[in-house]
């Protein structure tokens, strides 16, 4: 149990120190995954596939920013 807690604590510490890098990596993986998923759907234009991928990545980025804000809030409160 303490080993899992230390892993979570080290992940939290890394996110606090590298907020923008964490959000950027999440955005990049989100847009890559979304493009891969959308390209497997044959009945869409390529422009629509790219727009959907961008929208998915933006939603994921907003979630990541909210998560980083919660981590920052928890860090300041602690």
C-alpha atoms as a PDB file:
ATOM      1  CA  UNK A   1       0.000   0.000   0.000  1.00  0.00           C
ATOM      2  CA  UNK A   2       2.776   2.436   0.884  1.00  0.00           C
ATOM      3  CA  UNK A   3       4.577   1.602  -2.373  1.00  0.00           C
ATOM      4  CA  UNK A   4       1.504   2.612  -4.403  1.00  0.00           C
ATOM      5  CA  UNK A   5       1.144   5.756  -2.302  1.00  0.00           C
ATOM      6  CA  UNK A   6       4.773   6.713  -2.934  1.00  0.00           C
ATOM      7  CA  UNK A   7       4.278   6.206  -6.691  1.00  0.00           C
ATOM      8  CA  UNK A   8       1.225   8.455  -6.636  1.00  0.00           C
ATOM      9  CA  UNK A   9       3.114  11.025  -4.586  1.00  0.00           C
ATOM     10  CA  UNK A  10       6.060  10.988  -6.991  1.00  0.00           C
ATOM     11  CA  UNK A  11       3.673  11.368  -9.953  1.00  0.00           C
ATOM     12  CA  UNK A  12       1.952  14.289  -8.213  1.00  0.00           C
ATOM     13  CA  UNK A  13       5.314  15.923  -7.520  1.00  0.00           C
ATOM     14  CA  UNK A  14       6.345  15.524 -11.181  1.00  0.00           C
ATOM     15  CA  UNK A  15       3.065  17.079 -12.383  1.00  0.00           C
ATOM     16  CA  UNK A  16       3.508  20.012  -9.996  1.00  0.00           C
ATOM     17  CA  UNK A  17       7.041  20.612 -11.285  1.00  0.00           C
ATOM     18  CA  UNK A  18       6.228  20.089 -14.991  1.00  0.00           C
ATOM     19  CA  UNK A  19       2.635  21.280 -15.467  1.00  0.00           C
ATOM     20  CA  UNK A  20       2.956  22.527 -19.027  1.00  0.00           C
ATOM     21  CA  UNK A  21       4.976  19.521 -20.147  1.00  0.00           C
ATOM     22  CA  UNK A  22       2.359  17.167 -18.692  1.00  0.00           C
ATOM     23  CA  UNK A  23      -0.499  19.019 -20.394  1.00  0.00           C
ATOM     24  CA  UNK A  24       1.427  19.168 -23.684  1.00  0.00           C
ATOM     25  CA  UNK A  25       2.187  15.445 -23.626  1.00  0.00           C
ATOM     26  CA  UNK A  26      -1.435  14.691 -22.845  1.00  0.00           C
ATOM     27  CA  UNK A  27      -2.564  16.929 -25.722  1.00  0.00           C
ATOM     28  CA  UNK A  28      -0.136  15.291 -28.138  1.00  0.00           C
ATOM     29  CA  UNK A  29      -1.190  11.774 -27.171  1.00  0.00           C
ATOM     30  CA  UNK A  30      -4.856  12.804 -27.341  1.00  0.00           C
ATOM     31  CA  UNK A  31      -4.631  14.249 -30.823  1.00  0.00           C
ATOM     32  CA  UNK A  32      -2.560  11.287 -32.047  1.00  0.00           C
ATOM     33  CA  UNK A  33      -5.047   8.783 -30.674  1.00  0.00           C
ATOM     34  CA  UNK A  34      -8.004  10.718 -32.016  1.00  0.00           C
ATOM     35  CA  UNK A  35      -6.503  10.990 -35.499  1.00  0.00           C
ATOM     36  CA  UNK A  36      -5.778   7.256 -35.474  1.00  0.00           C
ATOM     37  CA  UNK A  37      -9.353   6.520 -34.403  1.00  0.00           C
ATOM     38  CA  UNK A  38     -10.927   8.911 -36.914  1.00  0.00           C
ATOM     39  CA  UNK A  39      -8.789   7.598 -39.779  1.00  0.00           C
ATOM     40  CA  UNK A  40     -10.262   4.154 -39.229  1.00  0.00           C
ATOM     41  CA  UNK A  41     -13.732   5.533 -40.012  1.00  0.00           C
ATOM     42  CA  UNK A  42     -14.122   5.456 -43.816  1.00  0.00           C
ATOM     43  CA  UNK A  43     -17.247   7.606 -44.262  1.00  0.00           C
ATOM     44  CA  UNK A  44     -15.740  10.946 -43.215  1.00  0.00           C
ATOM     45  CA  UNK A  45     -13.828  13.591 -45.169  1.00  0.00           C
ATOM     46  CA  UNK A  46     -10.209  14.089 -44.089  1.00  0.00           C
ATOM     47  CA  UNK A  47     -10.959  17.684 -43.041  1.00  0.00           C
ATOM     48  CA  UNK A  48     -13.743  16.493 -40.733  1.00  0.00           C
ATOM     49  CA  UNK A  49     -11.430  13.854 -39.273  1.00  0.00           C
ATOM     50  CA  UNK A  50      -8.835  16.517 -38.441  1.00  0.00           C
ATOM     51  CA  UNK A  51     -11.448  18.836 -36.932  1.00  0.00           C
ATOM     52  CA  UNK A  52     -12.802  16.041 -34.734  1.00  0.00           C
ATOM     53  CA  UNK A  53      -9.288  15.111 -33.624  1.00  0.00           C
ATOM     54  CA  UNK A  54      -8.592  18.727 -32.688  1.00  0.00           C
ATOM     55  CA  UNK A  55     -11.835  19.004 -30.726  1.00  0.00           C
ATOM     56  CA  UNK A  56     -11.109  15.784 -28.825  1.00  0.00           C
ATOM     57  CA  UNK A  57      -7.601  16.978 -28.005  1.00  0.00           C
ATOM     58  CA  UNK A  58      -8.904  20.362 -26.822  1.00  0.00           C
ATOM     59  CA  UNK A  59     -11.421  18.689 -24.518  1.00  0.00           C
ATOM     60  CA  UNK A  60      -8.682  16.457 -23.132  1.00  0.00           C
ATOM     61  CA  UNK A  61      -6.439  19.501 -22.618  1.00  0.00           C
ATOM     62  CA  UNK A  62      -9.162  21.337 -20.713  1.00  0.00           C
ATOM     63  CA  UNK A  63      -9.557  18.294 -18.482  1.00  0.00           C
ATOM     64  CA  UNK A  64      -5.791  18.171 -17.945  1.00  0.00           C
ATOM     65  CA  UNK A  65      -5.680  21.863 -17.049  1.00  0.00           C
ATOM     66  CA  UNK A  66      -8.514  21.366 -14.568  1.00  0.00           C
ATOM     67  CA  UNK A  67      -6.638  18.407 -13.088  1.00  0.00           C
ATOM     68  CA  UNK A  68      -3.440  20.462 -12.823  1.00  0.00           C
ATOM     69  CA  UNK A  69      -5.410  23.218 -11.111  1.00  0.00           C
ATOM     70  CA  UNK A  70      -6.782  20.714  -8.602  1.00  0.00           C
ATOM     71  CA  UNK A  71      -3.293  19.383  -7.921  1.00  0.00           C
ATOM     72  CA  UNK A  72      -2.038  22.937  -7.419  1.00  0.00           C
ATOM     73  CA  UNK A  73      -4.941  23.748  -5.103  1.00  0.00           C
ATOM     74  CA  UNK A  74      -4.335  20.578  -3.079  1.00  0.00           C
ATOM     75  CA  UNK A  75      -0.606  21.364  -2.940  1.00  0.00           C
ATOM     76  CA  UNK A  76      -1.211  24.890  -1.609  1.00  0.00           C
ATOM     77  CA  UNK A  77      -3.799  23.709   0.871  1.00  0.00           C
ATOM     78  CA  UNK A  78      -1.440  21.032   2.190  1.00  0.00           C
END
